[in-house]
Amino acid sequence: MASERSDDPPLSDSPDRWPAMVWIAAGIWQFAAFPMLFAWWKGVLYFLVGAPVMLLVTGTATARLRGVMLDMVRDVFPVKDRFTRLIAVLLRVMLAALEGVLVLTAARGAFMLMA
């Protein structure tokens, strides 16, 4: 890993929690619209099995992708200035949008399987 700069936030190895939160929010929204999709075992399966999987798999992947992206920006732009920060923020936003789409697509696939 590249050397940490003093003004950069420290990277942690813990998984990001937001993919699991998006998964749960999508489930709550879908439950409000179509409660029959969540008949007893389907709701248990979606919330108690799906959320930990999203936390472990997707959360770990997003944390590692963010670290790789920061290292890439540091290697390409060794001098930290406004342009470098702009590039880093834009890459972070694009990565977050892609991750959100992937989590929502997985949730939609789970809803289709439950129907």
N, C-alpha and C. Protein backbone atom coordinates (compact mmCIF):
# COMPACT_ATOMS: atom_id res chain seq x y z
N MET A 1 0.85 -1.17 0.00
CA MET A 1 0.00 0.00 0.00
C MET A 1 0.89 1.23 0.00
N ALA A 2 0.47 2.24 -0.67
CA ALA A 2 1.23 3.49 -0.73
C ALA A 2 1.28 4.12 0.65
N SER A 3 2.29 4.94 0.86
CA SER A 3 2.42 5.59 2.17
C SER A 3 1.24 6.52 2.42
N GLU A 4 0.76 6.51 3.64
CA GLU A 4 -0.39 7.33 4.02
C GLU A 4 0.05 8.78 4.16
N ARG A 5 -0.75 9.70 3.67
CA ARG A 5 -0.49 11.11 3.88
C ARG A 5 -1.18 11.54 5.15
N SER A 6 -0.66 12.56 5.79
CA SER A 6 -1.22 12.97 7.06
C SER A 6 -2.62 13.57 6.92
N ASP A 7 -2.94 14.15 5.75
CA ASP A 7 -4.26 14.76 5.59
C ASP A 7 -5.30 13.80 5.00
N ASP A 8 -4.92 12.55 4.69
CA ASP A 8 -5.86 11.56 4.20
C ASP A 8 -6.49 10.82 5.37
N PRO A 9 -7.77 10.47 5.26
CA PRO A 9 -8.39 9.68 6.32
C PRO A 9 -7.78 8.28 6.36
N PRO A 10 -7.62 7.70 7.53
CA PRO A 10 -7.03 6.36 7.60
C PRO A 10 -7.98 5.33 6.99
N LEU A 11 -7.41 4.37 6.28
CA LEU A 11 -8.21 3.31 5.68
C LEU A 11 -8.38 2.19 6.70
N SER A 12 -9.58 1.67 6.79
CA SER A 12 -9.83 0.56 7.71
C SER A 12 -10.13 -0.69 6.90
N ASP A 13 -9.93 -1.84 7.53
CA ASP A 13 -10.21 -3.10 6.88
C ASP A 13 -11.63 -3.58 7.15
N SER A 14 -12.41 -2.81 7.91
CA SER A 14 -13.77 -3.22 8.21
C SER A 14 -14.67 -2.97 7.00
N PRO A 15 -15.70 -3.81 6.82
CA PRO A 15 -16.57 -3.63 5.66
C PRO A 15 -17.45 -2.39 5.79
N ASP A 16 -17.81 -1.83 4.66
CA ASP A 16 -18.76 -0.71 4.65
C ASP A 16 -20.14 -1.24 5.00
N ARG A 17 -20.90 -0.45 5.74
CA ARG A 17 -22.23 -0.88 6.16
C ARG A 17 -23.33 -0.42 5.21
N TRP A 18 -23.04 0.54 4.35
CA TRP A 18 -24.11 1.12 3.55
C TRP A 18 -24.73 0.16 2.54
N PRO A 19 -24.00 -0.82 1.96
CA PRO A 19 -24.71 -1.74 1.05
C PRO A 19 -25.80 -2.55 1.77
N ALA A 20 -25.53 -2.97 3.00
CA ALA A 20 -26.54 -3.70 3.76
C ALA A 20 -27.71 -2.78 4.10
N MET A 21 -27.43 -1.51 4.38
CA MET A 21 -28.50 -0.56 4.68
C MET A 21 -29.37 -0.32 3.45
N VAL A 22 -28.76 -0.24 2.27
CA VAL A 22 -29.53 -0.08 1.03
C VAL A 22 -30.38 -1.33 0.79
N TRP A 23 -29.82 -2.50 1.06
CA TRP A 23 -30.54 -3.76 0.91
C TRP A 23 -31.78 -3.77 1.82
N ILE A 24 -31.59 -3.38 3.08
CA ILE A 24 -32.70 -3.36 4.04
C ILE A 24 -33.73 -2.30 3.64
N ALA A 25 -33.28 -1.12 3.21
CA ALA A 25 -34.21 -0.06 2.79
C ALA A 25 -35.02 -0.51 1.58
N ALA A 26 -34.38 -1.20 0.63
CA ALA A 26 -35.11 -1.71 -0.53
C ALA A 26 -36.13 -2.75 -0.10
N GLY A 27 -35.78 -3.58 0.87
CA GLY A 27 -36.71 -4.58 1.38
C GLY A 27 -37.90 -3.95 2.09
N ILE A 28 -37.65 -2.91 2.88
CA ILE A 28 -38.74 -2.23 3.57
C ILE A 28 -39.66 -1.55 2.56
N TRP A 29 -39.08 -0.91 1.55
CA TRP A 29 -39.88 -0.26 0.52
C TRP A 29 -40.73 -1.29 -0.23
N GLN A 30 -40.13 -2.41 -0.57
CA GLN A 30 -40.86 -3.46 -1.29
C GLN A 30 -41.93 -4.07 -0.39
N PHE A 31 -41.64 -4.22 0.91
CA PHE A 31 -42.63 -4.75 1.84
C PHE A 31 -43.83 -3.82 1.95
N ALA A 32 -43.56 -2.51 1.96
CA ALA A 32 -44.67 -1.55 2.04
C ALA A 32 -45.53 -1.62 0.79
N ALA A 33 -44.93 -1.88 -0.37
CA ALA A 33 -45.69 -1.95 -1.62
C ALA A 33 -46.40 -3.29 -1.80
N PHE A 34 -45.71 -4.38 -1.50
CA PHE A 34 -46.25 -5.73 -1.73
C PHE A 34 -45.97 -6.62 -0.52
N PRO A 35 -46.76 -6.51 0.55
CA PRO A 35 -46.47 -7.29 1.75
C PRO A 35 -46.58 -8.81 1.56
N MET A 36 -47.33 -9.26 0.57
CA MET A 36 -47.47 -10.71 0.36
C MET A 36 -46.19 -11.35 -0.15
N LEU A 37 -45.29 -10.55 -0.71
CA LEU A 37 -43.99 -11.11 -1.12
C LEU A 37 -43.20 -11.60 0.08
N PHE A 38 -43.48 -11.05 1.24
CA PHE A 38 -42.71 -11.36 2.43
C PHE A 38 -43.48 -12.30 3.35
N ALA A 39 -44.13 -13.32 2.76
CA ALA A 39 -44.77 -14.33 3.59
C ALA A 39 -43.69 -14.91 4.50
N TRP A 40 -44.05 -15.45 5.59
CA TRP A 40 -43.18 -15.77 6.71
C TRP A 40 -41.74 -16.14 6.34
N TRP A 41 -41.53 -17.22 5.62
CA TRP A 41 -40.16 -17.67 5.36
C TRP A 41 -39.42 -16.77 4.38
N LYS A 42 -40.14 -16.12 3.48
CA LYS A 42 -39.50 -15.25 2.50
C LYS A 42 -38.92 -14.00 3.17
N GLY A 43 -39.66 -13.43 4.11
CA GLY A 43 -39.15 -12.26 4.84
C GLY A 43 -37.95 -12.61 5.68
N VAL A 44 -38.01 -13.76 6.35
CA VAL A 44 -36.87 -14.21 7.15
C VAL A 44 -35.66 -14.42 6.26
N LEU A 45 -35.87 -15.06 5.15
CA LEU A 45 -34.77 -15.32 4.21
C LEU A 45 -34.17 -14.03 3.68
N TYR A 46 -35.02 -13.09 3.29
CA TYR A 46 -34.53 -11.83 2.72
C TYR A 46 -33.75 -11.02 3.74
N PHE A 47 -34.33 -10.80 4.92
CA PHE A 47 -33.71 -9.90 5.89
C PHE A 47 -32.61 -10.56 6.71
N LEU A 48 -32.80 -11.78 7.16
CA LEU A 48 -31.82 -12.41 8.05
C LEU A 48 -30.69 -13.10 7.31
N VAL A 49 -30.90 -13.45 6.07
CA VAL A 49 -29.82 -14.08 5.29
C VAL A 49 -29.21 -13.07 4.32
N GLY A 50 -30.05 -12.29 3.67
CA GLY A 50 -29.56 -11.37 2.65
C GLY A 50 -28.75 -10.21 3.19
N ALA A 51 -29.19 -9.61 4.31
CA ALA A 51 -28.47 -8.45 4.85
C ALA A 51 -27.05 -8.79 5.30
N PRO A 52 -26.82 -9.89 6.04
CA PRO A 52 -25.44 -10.22 6.39
C PRO A 52 -24.57 -10.54 5.17
N VAL A 53 -25.17 -11.17 4.17
CA VAL A 53 -24.40 -11.45 2.94
C VAL A 53 -24.00 -10.14 2.27
N MET A 54 -24.94 -9.19 2.19
CA MET A 54 -24.62 -7.88 1.61
C MET A 54 -23.53 -7.17 2.43
N LEU A 55 -23.62 -7.29 3.74
CA LEU A 55 -22.62 -6.64 4.59
C LEU A 55 -21.25 -7.26 4.38
N LEU A 56 -21.16 -8.57 4.38
CA LEU A 56 -19.87 -9.23 4.27
C LEU A 56 -19.27 -9.16 2.87
N VAL A 57 -20.07 -9.49 1.87
CA VAL A 57 -19.54 -9.56 0.51
C VAL A 57 -19.41 -8.17 -0.10
N THR A 58 -20.51 -7.47 -0.21
CA THR A 58 -20.50 -6.18 -0.88
C THR A 58 -19.79 -5.13 -0.03
N GLY A 59 -20.00 -5.17 1.29
CA GLY A 59 -19.33 -4.20 2.16
C GLY A 59 -17.82 -4.33 2.12
N THR A 60 -17.33 -5.56 2.13
CA THR A 60 -15.88 -5.77 2.05
C THR A 60 -15.36 -5.35 0.68
N ALA A 61 -16.10 -5.66 -0.36
CA ALA A 61 -15.67 -5.28 -1.72
C ALA A 61 -15.62 -3.76 -1.87
N THR A 62 -16.62 -3.05 -1.35
CA THR A 62 -16.62 -1.59 -1.50
C THR A 62 -15.48 -0.96 -0.71
N ALA A 63 -15.19 -1.49 0.48
CA ALA A 63 -14.08 -0.94 1.26
C ALA A 63 -12.75 -1.15 0.54
N ARG A 64 -12.58 -2.32 -0.05
CA ARG A 64 -11.32 -2.59 -0.78
C ARG A 64 -11.24 -1.79 -2.08
N LEU A 65 -12.36 -1.67 -2.78
CA LEU A 65 -12.34 -0.87 -4.01
C LEU A 65 -12.01 0.59 -3.72
N ARG A 66 -12.54 1.12 -2.64
CA ARG A 66 -12.24 2.49 -2.27
C ARG A 66 -10.75 2.65 -1.96
N GLY A 67 -10.17 1.69 -1.26
CA GLY A 67 -8.74 1.74 -0.97
C GLY A 67 -7.89 1.66 -2.23
N VAL A 68 -8.28 0.78 -3.16
CA VAL A 68 -7.55 0.66 -4.43
C VAL A 68 -7.67 1.94 -5.23
N MET A 69 -8.86 2.54 -5.23
CA MET A 69 -9.06 3.78 -5.97
C MET A 69 -8.21 4.91 -5.39
N LEU A 70 -8.14 5.00 -4.05
CA LEU A 70 -7.30 6.03 -3.44
C LEU A 70 -5.82 5.82 -3.76
N ASP A 71 -5.38 4.56 -3.74
CA ASP A 71 -3.99 4.28 -4.11
C ASP A 71 -3.72 4.63 -5.56
N MET A 72 -4.68 4.36 -6.45
CA MET A 72 -4.52 4.68 -7.86
C MET A 72 -4.39 6.19 -8.06
N VAL A 73 -5.25 6.95 -7.37
CA VAL A 73 -5.18 8.41 -7.49
C VAL A 73 -3.85 8.92 -6.96
N ARG A 74 -3.36 8.34 -5.87
CA ARG A 74 -2.06 8.76 -5.32
C ARG A 74 -0.92 8.46 -6.27
N ASP A 75 -1.00 7.32 -6.97
CA ASP A 75 0.07 6.98 -7.91
C ASP A 75 0.04 7.85 -9.15
N VAL A 76 -1.14 8.15 -9.65
CA VAL A 76 -1.25 8.93 -10.88
C VAL A 76 -1.00 10.41 -10.61
N PHE A 77 -1.50 10.91 -9.49
CA PHE A 77 -1.35 12.32 -9.13
C PHE A 77 -0.60 12.43 -7.80
N PRO A 78 0.75 12.41 -7.84
CA PRO A 78 1.51 12.43 -6.57
C PRO A 78 1.36 13.74 -5.79
N VAL A 79 1.12 14.84 -6.48
CA VAL A 79 0.96 16.12 -5.80
C VAL A 79 -0.53 16.32 -5.50
N LYS A 80 -0.84 16.59 -4.24
CA LYS A 80 -2.23 16.76 -3.86
C LYS A 80 -2.62 18.22 -4.00
N ASP A 81 -3.56 18.48 -4.90
CA ASP A 81 -4.07 19.84 -5.10
C ASP A 81 -5.58 19.75 -5.35
N ARG A 82 -6.19 20.85 -5.77
CA ARG A 82 -7.64 20.85 -5.98
C ARG A 82 -8.06 19.91 -7.09
N PHE A 83 -7.29 19.84 -8.15
CA PHE A 83 -7.61 18.96 -9.27
C PHE A 83 -7.59 17.50 -8.82
N THR A 84 -6.59 17.13 -8.04
CA THR A 84 -6.50 15.76 -7.53
C THR A 84 -7.68 15.44 -6.64
N ARG A 85 -8.05 16.36 -5.77
CA ARG A 85 -9.21 16.13 -4.90
C ARG A 85 -10.49 16.01 -5.72
N LEU A 86 -10.63 16.82 -6.76
CA LEU A 86 -11.80 16.75 -7.64
C LEU A 86 -11.88 15.38 -8.31
N ILE A 87 -10.76 14.91 -8.83
CA ILE A 87 -10.72 13.59 -9.47
C ILE A 87 -11.08 12.50 -8.46
N ALA A 88 -10.52 12.58 -7.26
CA ALA A 88 -10.81 11.57 -6.24
C ALA A 88 -12.29 11.59 -5.86
N VAL A 89 -12.87 12.75 -5.71
CA VAL A 89 -14.29 12.85 -5.35
C VAL A 89 -15.16 12.31 -6.49
N LEU A 90 -14.85 12.67 -7.73
CA LEU A 90 -15.62 12.17 -8.87
C LEU A 90 -15.54 10.65 -8.98
N LEU A 91 -14.36 10.10 -8.79
CA LEU A 91 -14.22 8.64 -8.82
C LEU A 91 -14.99 7.98 -7.68
N ARG A 92 -14.96 8.59 -6.50
CA ARG A 92 -15.71 8.06 -5.36
C ARG A 92 -17.21 8.08 -5.63
N VAL A 93 -17.70 9.16 -6.23
CA VAL A 93 -19.13 9.26 -6.54
C VAL A 93 -19.52 8.22 -7.60
N MET A 94 -18.70 8.06 -8.63
CA MET A 94 -19.00 7.06 -9.66
C MET A 94 -18.98 5.66 -9.08
N LEU A 95 -18.02 5.37 -8.22
CA LEU A 95 -17.93 4.05 -7.59
C LEU A 95 -19.14 3.80 -6.69
N ALA A 96 -19.53 4.80 -5.91
CA ALA A 96 -20.70 4.65 -5.03
C ALA A 96 -21.97 4.44 -5.83
N ALA A 97 -22.11 5.15 -6.93
CA ALA A 97 -23.30 4.98 -7.78
C ALA A 97 -23.34 3.58 -8.38
N LEU A 98 -22.20 3.09 -8.84
CA LEU A 98 -22.15 1.74 -9.40
C LEU A 98 -22.46 0.70 -8.33
N GLU A 99 -21.92 0.87 -7.14
CA GLU A 99 -22.19 -0.07 -6.06
C GLU A 99 -23.66 -0.05 -5.67
N GLY A 100 -24.26 1.14 -5.63
CA GLY A 100 -25.68 1.24 -5.32
C GLY A 100 -26.54 0.53 -6.35
N VAL A 101 -26.20 0.70 -7.61
CA VAL A 101 -26.94 0.02 -8.68
C VAL A 101 -26.81 -1.50 -8.54
N LEU A 102 -25.62 -1.98 -8.22
CA LEU A 102 -25.42 -3.42 -8.07
C LEU A 102 -26.23 -3.98 -6.89
N VAL A 103 -26.25 -3.27 -5.77
CA VAL A 103 -27.02 -3.73 -4.61
C VAL A 103 -28.51 -3.72 -4.93
N LEU A 104 -29.00 -2.67 -5.57
CA LEU A 104 -30.42 -2.61 -5.91
C LEU A 104 -30.80 -3.66 -6.96
N THR A 105 -29.89 -3.97 -7.86
CA THR A 105 -30.14 -5.03 -8.84
C THR A 105 -30.21 -6.39 -8.14
N ALA A 106 -29.32 -6.61 -7.18
CA ALA A 106 -29.38 -7.86 -6.42
C ALA A 106 -30.68 -7.95 -5.62
N ALA A 107 -31.11 -6.83 -5.04
CA ALA A 107 -32.37 -6.83 -4.30
C ALA A 107 -33.54 -7.12 -5.23
N ARG A 108 -33.53 -6.52 -6.40
CA ARG A 108 -34.61 -6.77 -7.37
C ARG A 108 -34.62 -8.23 -7.80
N GLY A 109 -33.44 -8.81 -7.99
CA GLY A 109 -33.37 -10.24 -8.33
C GLY A 109 -33.92 -11.11 -7.22
N ALA A 110 -33.64 -10.73 -5.97
CA ALA A 110 -34.20 -11.49 -4.85
C ALA A 110 -35.71 -11.38 -4.81
N PHE A 111 -36.24 -10.18 -5.10
CA PHE A 111 -37.70 -10.00 -5.12
C PHE A 111 -38.32 -10.83 -6.23
N MET A 112 -37.65 -10.91 -7.38
CA MET A 112 -38.18 -11.71 -8.49
C MET A 112 -38.19 -13.18 -8.13
N LEU A 113 -37.16 -13.65 -7.41
CA LEU A 113 -37.14 -15.05 -6.99
C LEU A 113 -38.22 -15.35 -5.96
N MET A 114 -38.53 -14.36 -5.13
CA MET A 114 -39.53 -14.56 -4.09
C MET A 114 -40.96 -14.53 -4.64
N ALA A 115 -41.16 -13.91 -5.77
CA ALA A 115 -42.52 -13.75 -6.32
C ALA A 115 -43.06 -15.05 -6.86
